[in-house]
Structure formats: C-alpha cells, structure tokens
Amino acid sequence: AALGFARRALAEALSFTSQRRLAPA
C-alpha cells in the first residue's frame, strides 16, 4: 500500500514539474 502511495506521488510530481514553468524552461 505504501508503494502505491509512493508511485502516485512520483506520478504527480512528474506531471506537475513537467508543466510548471521555471523560466526559461
């Protein structure tokens, strides 16, 4: 169950950081 939580956290982090702008990328 903890592994499932961790996988979701990583997926959320990958999604968020890929879209969040930090100039210039």
mmCIF file of all heavy atoms, coordinates in Angstrom:
data_MODEL
# 
_entry.id   MODEL 
# 
loop_
_atom_site.group_PDB 
_atom_site.id 
_atom_site.type_symbol 
_atom_site.label_atom_id 
_atom_site.label_alt_id 
_atom_site.label_comp_id 
_atom_site.label_asym_id 
_atom_site.label_entity_id 
_atom_site.label_seq_id 
_atom_site.pdbx_PDB_ins_code 
_atom_site.Cartn_x 
_atom_site.Cartn_y 
_atom_site.Cartn_z 
_atom_site.occupancy 
_atom_site.B_iso_or_equiv 
_atom_site.pdbx_formal_charge 
_atom_site.auth_seq_id 
_atom_site.auth_comp_id 
_atom_site.auth_asym_id 
_atom_site.auth_atom_id 
_atom_site.pdbx_PDB_model_num 
ATOM 1   N N   . ALA A 1 1  ? 0.839  -1.201 0.000   1.00 0.00 ? 1  ALA A N   1 
ATOM 2   C CA  . ALA A 1 1  ? 0.000  0.000  0.000   1.00 0.00 ? 1  ALA A CA  1 
ATOM 3   C C   . ALA A 1 1  ? 0.873  1.251  0.000   1.00 0.00 ? 1  ALA A C   1 
ATOM 4   O O   . ALA A 1 1  ? 0.604  2.218  -0.730  1.00 0.00 ? 1  ALA A O   1 
ATOM 5   C CB  . ALA A 1 1  ? -0.923 -0.008 1.211   1.00 0.00 ? 1  ALA A CB  1 
ATOM 6   N N   . ALA A 1 2  ? 1.919  1.240  0.822   1.00 0.00 ? 2  ALA A N   1 
ATOM 7   C CA  . ALA A 1 2  ? 2.850  2.373  0.846   1.00 0.00 ? 2  ALA A CA  1 
ATOM 8   C C   . ALA A 1 2  ? 3.491  2.570  -0.522  1.00 0.00 ? 2  ALA A C   1 
ATOM 9   O O   . ALA A 1 2  ? 3.687  3.708  -0.979  1.00 0.00 ? 2  ALA A O   1 
ATOM 10  C CB  . ALA A 1 2  ? 3.921  2.149  1.916   1.00 0.00 ? 2  ALA A CB  1 
ATOM 11  N N   . LEU A 1 3  ? 3.803  1.468  -1.185  1.00 0.00 ? 3  LEU A N   1 
ATOM 12  C CA  . LEU A 1 3  ? 4.379  1.541  -2.531  1.00 0.00 ? 3  LEU A CA  1 
ATOM 13  C C   . LEU A 1 3  ? 3.399  2.207  -3.496  1.00 0.00 ? 3  LEU A C   1 
ATOM 14  O O   . LEU A 1 3  ? 3.799  3.019  -4.334  1.00 0.00 ? 3  LEU A O   1 
ATOM 15  C CB  . LEU A 1 3  ? 4.735  0.137  -3.010  1.00 0.00 ? 3  LEU A CB  1 
ATOM 16  C CG  . LEU A 1 3  ? 5.262  0.007  -4.441  1.00 0.00 ? 3  LEU A CG  1 
ATOM 17  C CD1 . LEU A 1 3  ? 6.562  0.784  -4.616  1.00 0.00 ? 3  LEU A CD1 1 
ATOM 18  C CD2 . LEU A 1 3  ? 5.471  -1.479 -4.786  1.00 0.00 ? 3  LEU A CD2 1 
ATOM 19  N N   . GLY A 1 4  ? 2.118  1.865  -3.382  1.00 0.00 ? 4  GLY A N   1 
ATOM 20  C CA  . GLY A 1 4  ? 1.114  2.512  -4.224  1.00 0.00 ? 4  GLY A CA  1 
ATOM 21  C C   . GLY A 1 4  ? 1.048  4.008  -3.994  1.00 0.00 ? 4  GLY A C   1 
ATOM 22  O O   . GLY A 1 4  ? 0.961  4.805  -4.941  1.00 0.00 ? 4  GLY A O   1 
ATOM 23  N N   . PHE A 1 5  ? 1.102  4.424  -2.724  1.00 0.00 ? 5  PHE A N   1 
ATOM 24  C CA  . PHE A 1 5  ? 1.122  5.854  -2.408  1.00 0.00 ? 5  PHE A CA  1 
ATOM 25  C C   . PHE A 1 5  ? 2.352  6.526  -3.030  1.00 0.00 ? 5  PHE A C   1 
ATOM 26  O O   . PHE A 1 5  ? 2.267  7.626  -3.585  1.00 0.00 ? 5  PHE A O   1 
ATOM 27  C CB  . PHE A 1 5  ? 1.159  6.068  -0.892  1.00 0.00 ? 5  PHE A CB  1 
ATOM 28  C CG  . PHE A 1 5  ? -0.118 5.725  -0.180  1.00 0.00 ? 5  PHE A CG  1 
ATOM 29  C CD1 . PHE A 1 5  ? -0.086 5.301  1.138   1.00 0.00 ? 5  PHE A CD1 1 
ATOM 30  C CD2 . PHE A 1 5  ? -1.347 5.843  -0.800  1.00 0.00 ? 5  PHE A CD2 1 
ATOM 31  C CE1 . PHE A 1 5  ? -1.257 4.999  1.825   1.00 0.00 ? 5  PHE A CE1 1 
ATOM 32  C CE2 . PHE A 1 5  ? -2.525 5.542  -0.127  1.00 0.00 ? 5  PHE A CE2 1 
ATOM 33  C CZ  . PHE A 1 5  ? -2.479 5.115  1.191   1.00 0.00 ? 5  PHE A CZ  1 
ATOM 34  N N   . ALA A 1 6  ? 3.511  5.864  -2.905  1.00 0.00 ? 6  ALA A N   1 
ATOM 35  C CA  . ALA A 1 6  ? 4.753  6.448  -3.417  1.00 0.00 ? 6  ALA A CA  1 
ATOM 36  C C   . ALA A 1 6  ? 4.717  6.560  -4.938  1.00 0.00 ? 6  ALA A C   1 
ATOM 37  O O   . ALA A 1 6  ? 5.165  7.570  -5.509  1.00 0.00 ? 6  ALA A O   1 
ATOM 38  C CB  . ALA A 1 6  ? 5.944  5.602  -2.974  1.00 0.00 ? 6  ALA A CB  1 
ATOM 39  N N   . ARG A 1 7  ? 4.207  5.530  -5.600  1.00 0.00 ? 7  ARG A N   1 
ATOM 40  C CA  . ARG A 1 7  ? 4.106  5.594  -7.066  1.00 0.00 ? 7  ARG A CA  1 
ATOM 41  C C   . ARG A 1 7  ? 3.209  6.764  -7.491  1.00 0.00 ? 7  ARG A C   1 
ATOM 42  O O   . ARG A 1 7  ? 3.516  7.469  -8.454  1.00 0.00 ? 7  ARG A O   1 
ATOM 43  C CB  . ARG A 1 7  ? 3.539  4.287  -7.607  1.00 0.00 ? 7  ARG A CB  1 
ATOM 44  C CG  . ARG A 1 7  ? 4.499  3.104  -7.597  1.00 0.00 ? 7  ARG A CG  1 
ATOM 45  C CD  . ARG A 1 7  ? 3.988  2.011  -8.528  1.00 0.00 ? 7  ARG A CD  1 
ATOM 46  N NE  . ARG A 1 7  ? 4.687  0.761  -8.370  1.00 0.00 ? 7  ARG A NE  1 
ATOM 47  C CZ  . ARG A 1 7  ? 5.891  0.478  -8.881  1.00 0.00 ? 7  ARG A CZ  1 
ATOM 48  N NH1 . ARG A 1 7  ? 6.535  1.407  -9.563  1.00 0.00 ? 7  ARG A NH1 1 
ATOM 49  N NH2 . ARG A 1 7  ? 6.431  -0.714 -8.703  1.00 0.00 ? 7  ARG A NH2 1 
ATOM 50  N N   . ARG A 1 8  ? 2.105  6.955  -6.788  1.00 0.00 ? 8  ARG A N   1 
ATOM 51  C CA  . ARG A 1 8  ? 1.214  8.063  -7.146  1.00 0.00 ? 8  ARG A CA  1 
ATOM 52  C C   . ARG A 1 8  ? 1.894  9.403  -6.915  1.00 0.00 ? 8  ARG A C   1 
ATOM 53  O O   . ARG A 1 8  ? 1.759  10.349 -7.718  1.00 0.00 ? 8  ARG A O   1 
ATOM 54  C CB  . ARG A 1 8  ? -0.086 7.969  -6.335  1.00 0.00 ? 8  ARG A CB  1 
ATOM 55  C CG  . ARG A 1 8  ? -1.099 9.057  -6.671  1.00 0.00 ? 8  ARG A CG  1 
ATOM 56  C CD  . ARG A 1 8  ? -1.533 8.993  -8.142  1.00 0.00 ? 8  ARG A CD  1 
ATOM 57  N NE  . ARG A 1 8  ? -2.445 10.074 -8.486  1.00 0.00 ? 8  ARG A NE  1 
ATOM 58  C CZ  . ARG A 1 8  ? -3.774 9.977  -8.433  1.00 0.00 ? 8  ARG A CZ  1 
ATOM 59  N NH1 . ARG A 1 8  ? -4.336 8.831  -8.050  1.00 0.00 ? 8  ARG A NH1 1 
ATOM 60  N NH2 . ARG A 1 8  ? -4.534 10.989 -8.791  1.00 0.00 ? 8  ARG A NH2 1 
ATOM 61  N N   . ALA A 1 9  ? 2.655  9.514  -5.818  1.00 0.00 ? 9  ALA A N   1 
ATOM 62  C CA  . ALA A 1 9  ? 3.367  10.759 -5.537  1.00 0.00 ? 9  ALA A CA  1 
ATOM 63  C C   . ALA A 1 9  ? 4.371  11.079 -6.638  1.00 0.00 ? 9  ALA A C   1 
ATOM 64  O O   . ALA A 1 9  ? 4.501  12.239 -7.067  1.00 0.00 ? 9  ALA A O   1 
ATOM 65  C CB  . ALA A 1 9  ? 4.068  10.664 -4.183  1.00 0.00 ? 9  ALA A CB  1 
ATOM 66  N N   . LEU A 1 10 ? 5.084  10.059 -7.114  1.00 0.00 ? 10 LEU A N   1 
ATOM 67  C CA  . LEU A 1 10 ? 6.047  10.281 -8.192  1.00 0.00 ? 10 LEU A CA  1 
ATOM 68  C C   . LEU A 1 10 ? 5.333  10.699 -9.476  1.00 0.00 ? 10 LEU A C   1 
ATOM 69  O O   . LEU A 1 10 ? 5.780  11.610 -10.182 1.00 0.00 ? 10 LEU A O   1 
ATOM 70  C CB  . LEU A 1 10 ? 6.875  9.015  -8.426  1.00 0.00 ? 10 LEU A CB  1 
ATOM 71  C CG  . LEU A 1 10 ? 7.859  9.078  -9.605  1.00 0.00 ? 10 LEU A CG  1 
ATOM 72  C CD1 . LEU A 1 10 ? 8.859  10.220 -9.435  1.00 0.00 ? 10 LEU A CD1 1 
ATOM 73  C CD2 . LEU A 1 10 ? 8.585  7.744  -9.768  1.00 0.00 ? 10 LEU A CD2 1 
ATOM 74  N N   . ALA A 1 11 ? 4.212  10.031 -9.782  1.00 0.00 ? 11 ALA A N   1 
ATOM 75  C CA  . ALA A 1 11 ? 3.458  10.387 -10.980 1.00 0.00 ? 11 ALA A CA  1 
ATOM 76  C C   . ALA A 1 11 ? 2.960  11.828 -10.914 1.00 0.00 ? 11 ALA A C   1 
ATOM 77  O O   . ALA A 1 11 ? 3.013  12.567 -11.901 1.00 0.00 ? 11 ALA A O   1 
ATOM 78  C CB  . ALA A 1 11 ? 2.286  9.422  -11.161 1.00 0.00 ? 11 ALA A CB  1 
ATOM 79  N N   . GLU A 1 12 ? 2.467  12.231 -9.742  1.00 0.00 ? 12 GLU A N   1 
ATOM 80  C CA  . GLU A 1 12 ? 2.002  13.605 -9.572  1.00 0.00 ? 12 GLU A CA  1 
ATOM 81  C C   . GLU A 1 12 ? 3.163  14.587 -9.724  1.00 0.00 ? 12 GLU A C   1 
ATOM 82  O O   . GLU A 1 12 ? 3.013  15.662 -10.327 1.00 0.00 ? 12 GLU A O   1 
ATOM 83  C CB  . GLU A 1 12 ? 1.357  13.767 -8.192  1.00 0.00 ? 12 GLU A CB  1 
ATOM 84  C CG  . GLU A 1 12 ? 0.079  12.982 -7.980  1.00 0.00 ? 12 GLU A CG  1 
ATOM 85  C CD  . GLU A 1 12 ? -1.112 13.580 -8.704  1.00 0.00 ? 12 GLU A CD  1 
ATOM 86  O OE1 . GLU A 1 12 ? -1.056 14.776 -9.068  1.00 0.00 ? 12 GLU A OE1 1 
ATOM 87  O OE2 . GLU A 1 12 ? -2.099 12.853 -8.911  1.00 0.00 ? 12 GLU A OE2 1 
ATOM 88  N N   . ALA A 1 13 ? 4.320  14.230 -9.166  1.00 0.00 ? 13 ALA A N   1 
ATOM 89  C CA  . ALA A 1 13 ? 5.485  15.110 -9.254  1.00 0.00 ? 13 ALA A CA  1 
ATOM 90  C C   . ALA A 1 13 ? 5.970  15.245 -10.695 1.00 0.00 ? 13 ALA A C   1 
ATOM 91  O O   . ALA A 1 13 ? 6.326  16.347 -11.148 1.00 0.00 ? 13 ALA A O   1 
ATOM 92  C CB  . ALA A 1 13 ? 6.611  14.581 -8.366  1.00 0.00 ? 13 ALA A CB  1 
ATOM 93  N N   . LEU A 1 14 ? 5.996  14.144 -11.425 1.00 0.00 ? 14 LEU A N   1 
ATOM 94  C CA  . LEU A 1 14 ? 6.410  14.192 -12.831 1.00 0.00 ? 14 LEU A CA  1 
ATOM 95  C C   . LEU A 1 14 ? 5.465  15.065 -13.647 1.00 0.00 ? 14 LEU A C   1 
ATOM 96  O O   . LEU A 1 14 ? 5.900  15.878 -14.479 1.00 0.00 ? 14 LEU A O   1 
ATOM 97  C CB  . LEU A 1 14 ? 6.453  12.780 -13.411 1.00 0.00 ? 14 LEU A CB  1 
ATOM 98  C CG  . LEU A 1 14 ? 7.607  11.886 -12.957 1.00 0.00 ? 14 LEU A CG  1 
ATOM 99  C CD1 . LEU A 1 14 ? 7.345  10.431 -13.350 1.00 0.00 ? 14 LEU A CD1 1 
ATOM 100 C CD2 . LEU A 1 14 ? 8.928  12.367 -13.563 1.00 0.00 ? 14 LEU A CD2 1 
ATOM 101 N N   . SER A 1 15 ? 4.169  14.906 -13.417 1.00 0.00 ? 15 SER A N   1 
ATOM 102 C CA  . SER A 1 15 ? 3.182  15.689 -14.152 1.00 0.00 ? 15 SER A CA  1 
ATOM 103 C C   . SER A 1 15 ? 3.299  17.178 -13.829 1.00 0.00 ? 15 SER A C   1 
ATOM 104 O O   . SER A 1 15 ? 3.324  18.031 -14.716 1.00 0.00 ? 15 SER A O   1 
ATOM 105 C CB  . SER A 1 15 ? 1.779  15.178 -13.829 1.00 0.00 ? 15 SER A CB  1 
ATOM 106 O OG  . SER A 1 15 ? 0.800  15.966 -14.463 1.00 0.00 ? 15 SER A OG  1 
ATOM 107 N N   . PHE A 1 16 ? 3.380  17.469 -12.532 1.00 0.00 ? 16 PHE A N   1 
ATOM 108 C CA  . PHE A 1 16 ? 3.419  18.869 -12.103 1.00 0.00 ? 16 PHE A CA  1 
ATOM 109 C C   . PHE A 1 16 ? 4.685  19.567 -12.593 1.00 0.00 ? 16 PHE A C   1 
ATOM 110 O O   . PHE A 1 16 ? 4.631  20.671 -13.153 1.00 0.00 ? 16 PHE A O   1 
ATOM 111 C CB  . PHE A 1 16 ? 3.325  18.947 -10.586 1.00 0.00 ? 16 PHE A CB  1 
ATOM 112 C CG  . PHE A 1 16 ? 3.326  20.349 -10.048 1.00 0.00 ? 16 PHE A CG  1 
ATOM 113 C CD1 . PHE A 1 16 ? 2.142  21.048 -9.888  1.00 0.00 ? 16 PHE A CD1 1 
ATOM 114 C CD2 . PHE A 1 16 ? 4.516  20.977 -9.702  1.00 0.00 ? 16 PHE A CD2 1 
ATOM 115 C CE1 . PHE A 1 16 ? 2.135  22.352 -9.402  1.00 0.00 ? 16 PHE A CE1 1 
ATOM 116 C CE2 . PHE A 1 16 ? 4.516  22.279 -9.206  1.00 0.00 ? 16 PHE A CE2 1 
ATOM 117 C CZ  . PHE A 1 16 ? 3.326  22.970 -9.061  1.00 0.00 ? 16 PHE A CZ  1 
ATOM 118 N N   . THR A 1 17 ? 5.836  18.949 -12.380 1.00 0.00 ? 17 THR A N   1 
ATOM 119 C CA  . THR A 1 17 ? 7.100  19.611 -12.737 1.00 0.00 ? 17 THR A CA  1 
ATOM 120 C C   . THR A 1 17 ? 7.270  19.749 -14.246 1.00 0.00 ? 17 THR A C   1 
ATOM 121 O O   . THR A 1 17 ? 7.958  20.659 -14.713 1.00 0.00 ? 17 THR A O   1 
ATOM 122 C CB  . THR A 1 17 ? 8.308  18.852 -12.148 1.00 0.00 ? 17 THR A CB  1 
ATOM 123 O OG1 . THR A 1 17 ? 8.308  17.485 -12.624 1.00 0.00 ? 17 THR A OG1 1 
ATOM 124 C CG2 . THR A 1 17 ? 8.261  18.856 -10.626 1.00 0.00 ? 17 THR A CG2 1 
ATOM 125 N N   . SER A 1 18 ? 6.644  18.855 -15.018 1.00 0.00 ? 18 SER A N   1 
ATOM 126 C CA  . SER A 1 18 ? 6.730  18.953 -16.479 1.00 0.00 ? 18 SER A CA  1 
ATOM 127 C C   . SER A 1 18 ? 5.928  20.141 -17.002 1.00 0.00 ? 18 SER A C   1 
ATOM 128 O O   . SER A 1 18 ? 6.255  20.698 -18.058 1.00 0.00 ? 18 SER A O   1 
ATOM 129 C CB  . SER A 1 18 ? 6.229  17.665 -17.125 1.00 0.00 ? 18 SER A CB  1 
ATOM 130 O OG  . SER A 1 18 ? 7.081  16.580 -16.803 1.00 0.00 ? 18 SER A OG  1 
ATOM 131 N N   . GLN A 1 19 ? 4.874  20.534 -16.272 1.00 0.00 ? 19 GLN A N   1 
ATOM 132 C CA  . GLN A 1 19 ? 4.026  21.638 -16.719 1.00 0.00 ? 19 GLN A CA  1 
ATOM 133 C C   . GLN A 1 19 ? 4.379  22.978 -16.072 1.00 0.00 ? 19 GLN A C   1 
ATOM 134 O O   . GLN A 1 19 ? 4.121  24.027 -16.651 1.00 0.00 ? 19 GLN A O   1 
ATOM 135 C CB  . GLN A 1 19 ? 2.574  21.316 -16.398 1.00 0.00 ? 19 GLN A CB  1 
ATOM 136 C CG  . GLN A 1 19 ? 2.036  20.123 -17.177 1.00 0.00 ? 19 GLN A CG  1 
ATOM 137 C CD  . GLN A 1 19 ? 0.589  19.899 -16.822 1.00 0.00 ? 19 GLN A CD  1 
ATOM 138 O OE1 . GLN A 1 19 ? -0.303 20.605 -17.284 1.00 0.00 ? 19 GLN A OE1 1 
ATOM 139 N NE2 . GLN A 1 19 ? 0.353  18.918 -15.982 1.00 0.00 ? 19 GLN A NE2 1 
ATOM 140 N N   . ARG A 1 20 ? 4.943  22.910 -14.888 1.00 0.00 ? 20 ARG A N   1 
ATOM 141 C CA  . ARG A 1 20 ? 5.241  24.139 -14.144 1.00 0.00 ? 20 ARG A CA  1 
ATOM 142 C C   . ARG A 1 20 ? 6.406  24.876 -14.805 1.00 0.00 ? 20 ARG A C   1 
ATOM 143 O O   . ARG A 1 20 ? 7.492  24.286 -14.992 1.00 0.00 ? 20 ARG A O   1 
ATOM 144 C CB  . ARG A 1 20 ? 5.597  23.786 -12.705 1.00 0.00 ? 20 ARG A CB  1 
ATOM 145 C CG  . ARG A 1 20 ? 5.881  24.973 -11.813 1.00 0.00 ? 20 ARG A CG  1 
ATOM 146 C CD  . ARG A 1 20 ? 4.642  25.786 -11.562 1.00 0.00 ? 20 ARG A CD  1 
ATOM 147 N NE  . ARG A 1 20 ? 4.817  26.705 -10.441 1.00 0.00 ? 20 ARG A NE  1 
ATOM 148 C CZ  . ARG A 1 20 ? 3.932  27.637 -10.117 1.00 0.00 ? 20 ARG A CZ  1 
ATOM 149 N NH1 . ARG A 1 20 ? 2.814  27.754 -10.804 1.00 0.00 ? 20 ARG A NH1 1 
ATOM 150 N NH2 . ARG A 1 20 ? 4.170  28.429 -9.084  1.00 0.00 ? 20 ARG A NH2 1 
ATOM 151 N N   . ARG A 1 21 ? 6.190  26.115 -15.158 1.00 0.00 ? 21 ARG A N   1 
ATOM 152 C CA  . ARG A 1 21 ? 7.224  26.883 -15.839 1.00 0.00 ? 21 ARG A CA  1 
ATOM 153 C C   . ARG A 1 21 ? 8.212  27.465 -14.838 1.00 0.00 ? 21 ARG A C   1 
ATOM 154 O O   . ARG A 1 21 ? 7.843  27.984 -13.784 1.00 0.00 ? 21 ARG A O   1 
ATOM 155 C CB  . ARG A 1 21 ? 6.606  28.025 -16.639 1.00 0.00 ? 21 ARG A CB  1 
ATOM 156 C CG  . ARG A 1 21 ? 5.593  27.598 -17.692 1.00 0.00 ? 21 ARG A CG  1 
ATOM 157 C CD  . ARG A 1 21 ? 6.143  26.529 -18.614 1.00 0.00 ? 21 ARG A CD  1 
ATOM 158 N NE  . ARG A 1 21 ? 7.296  26.994 -19.375 1.00 0.00 ? 21 ARG A NE  1 
ATOM 159 C CZ  . ARG A 1 21 ? 8.049  26.200 -20.148 1.00 0.00 ? 21 ARG A CZ  1 
ATOM 160 N NH1 . ARG A 1 21 ? 7.779  24.907 -20.226 1.00 0.00 ? 21 ARG A NH1 1 
ATOM 161 N NH2 . ARG A 1 21 ? 9.066  26.695 -20.817 1.00 0.00 ? 21 ARG A NH2 1 
ATOM 162 N N   . LEU A 1 22 ? 9.476  27.304 -15.126 1.00 0.00 ? 22 LEU A N   1 
ATOM 163 C CA  . LEU A 1 22 ? 10.568 27.902 -14.358 1.00 0.00 ? 22 LEU A CA  1 
ATOM 164 C C   . LEU A 1 22 ? 11.511 28.482 -15.404 1.00 0.00 ? 22 LEU A C   1 
ATOM 165 O O   . LEU A 1 22 ? 12.355 27.769 -15.958 1.00 0.00 ? 22 LEU A O   1 
ATOM 166 C CB  . LEU A 1 22 ? 11.264 26.853 -13.487 1.00 0.00 ? 22 LEU A CB  1 
ATOM 167 C CG  . LEU A 1 22 ? 12.349 27.355 -12.544 1.00 0.00 ? 22 LEU A CG  1 
ATOM 168 C CD1 . LEU A 1 22 ? 11.739 28.236 -11.457 1.00 0.00 ? 22 LEU A CD1 1 
ATOM 169 C CD2 . LEU A 1 22 ? 13.096 26.188 -11.904 1.00 0.00 ? 22 LEU A CD2 1 
ATOM 170 N N   . ALA A 1 23 ? 11.331 29.756 -15.708 1.00 0.00 ? 23 ALA A N   1 
ATOM 171 C CA  . ALA A 1 23 ? 11.981 30.370 -16.868 1.00 0.00 ? 23 ALA A CA  1 
ATOM 172 C C   . ALA A 1 23 ? 13.474 30.025 -16.929 1.00 0.00 ? 23 ALA A C   1 
ATOM 173 O O   . ALA A 1 23 ? 14.154 30.026 -15.901 1.00 0.00 ? 23 ALA A O   1 
ATOM 174 C CB  . ALA A 1 23 ? 11.803 31.898 -16.809 1.00 0.00 ? 23 ALA A CB  1 
ATOM 175 N N   . PRO A 1 24 ? 13.943 29.662 -18.133 1.00 0.00 ? 24 PRO A N   1 
ATOM 176 C CA  . PRO A 1 24 ? 13.244 29.692 -19.421 1.00 0.00 ? 24 PRO A CA  1 
ATOM 177 C C   . PRO A 1 24 ? 12.616 28.337 -19.798 1.00 0.00 ? 24 PRO A C   1 
ATOM 178 O O   . PRO A 1 24 ? 12.135 28.178 -20.920 1.00 0.00 ? 24 PRO A O   1 
ATOM 179 C CB  . PRO A 1 24 ? 14.367 30.027 -20.391 1.00 0.00 ? 24 PRO A CB  1 
ATOM 180 C CG  . PRO A 1 24 ? 15.560 29.331 -19.804 1.00 0.00 ? 24 PRO A CG  1 
ATOM 181 C CD  . PRO A 1 24 ? 15.386 29.400 -18.302 1.00 0.00 ? 24 PRO A CD  1 
ATOM 182 N N   . ALA A 1 25 ? 12.642 27.345 -18.898 1.00 0.00 ? 25 ALA A N   1 
ATOM 183 C CA  . ALA A 1 25 ? 12.126 26.022 -19.240 1.00 0.00 ? 25 ALA A CA  1 
ATOM 184 C C   . ALA A 1 25 ? 11.116 25.588 -18.187 1.00 0.00 ? 25 ALA A C   1 
ATOM 185 O O   . ALA A 1 25 ? 10.530 26.397 -17.479 1.00 0.00 ? 25 ALA A O   1 
ATOM 186 C CB  . ALA A 1 25 ? 13.288 25.023 -19.341 1.00 0.00 ? 25 ALA A CB  1 
# 
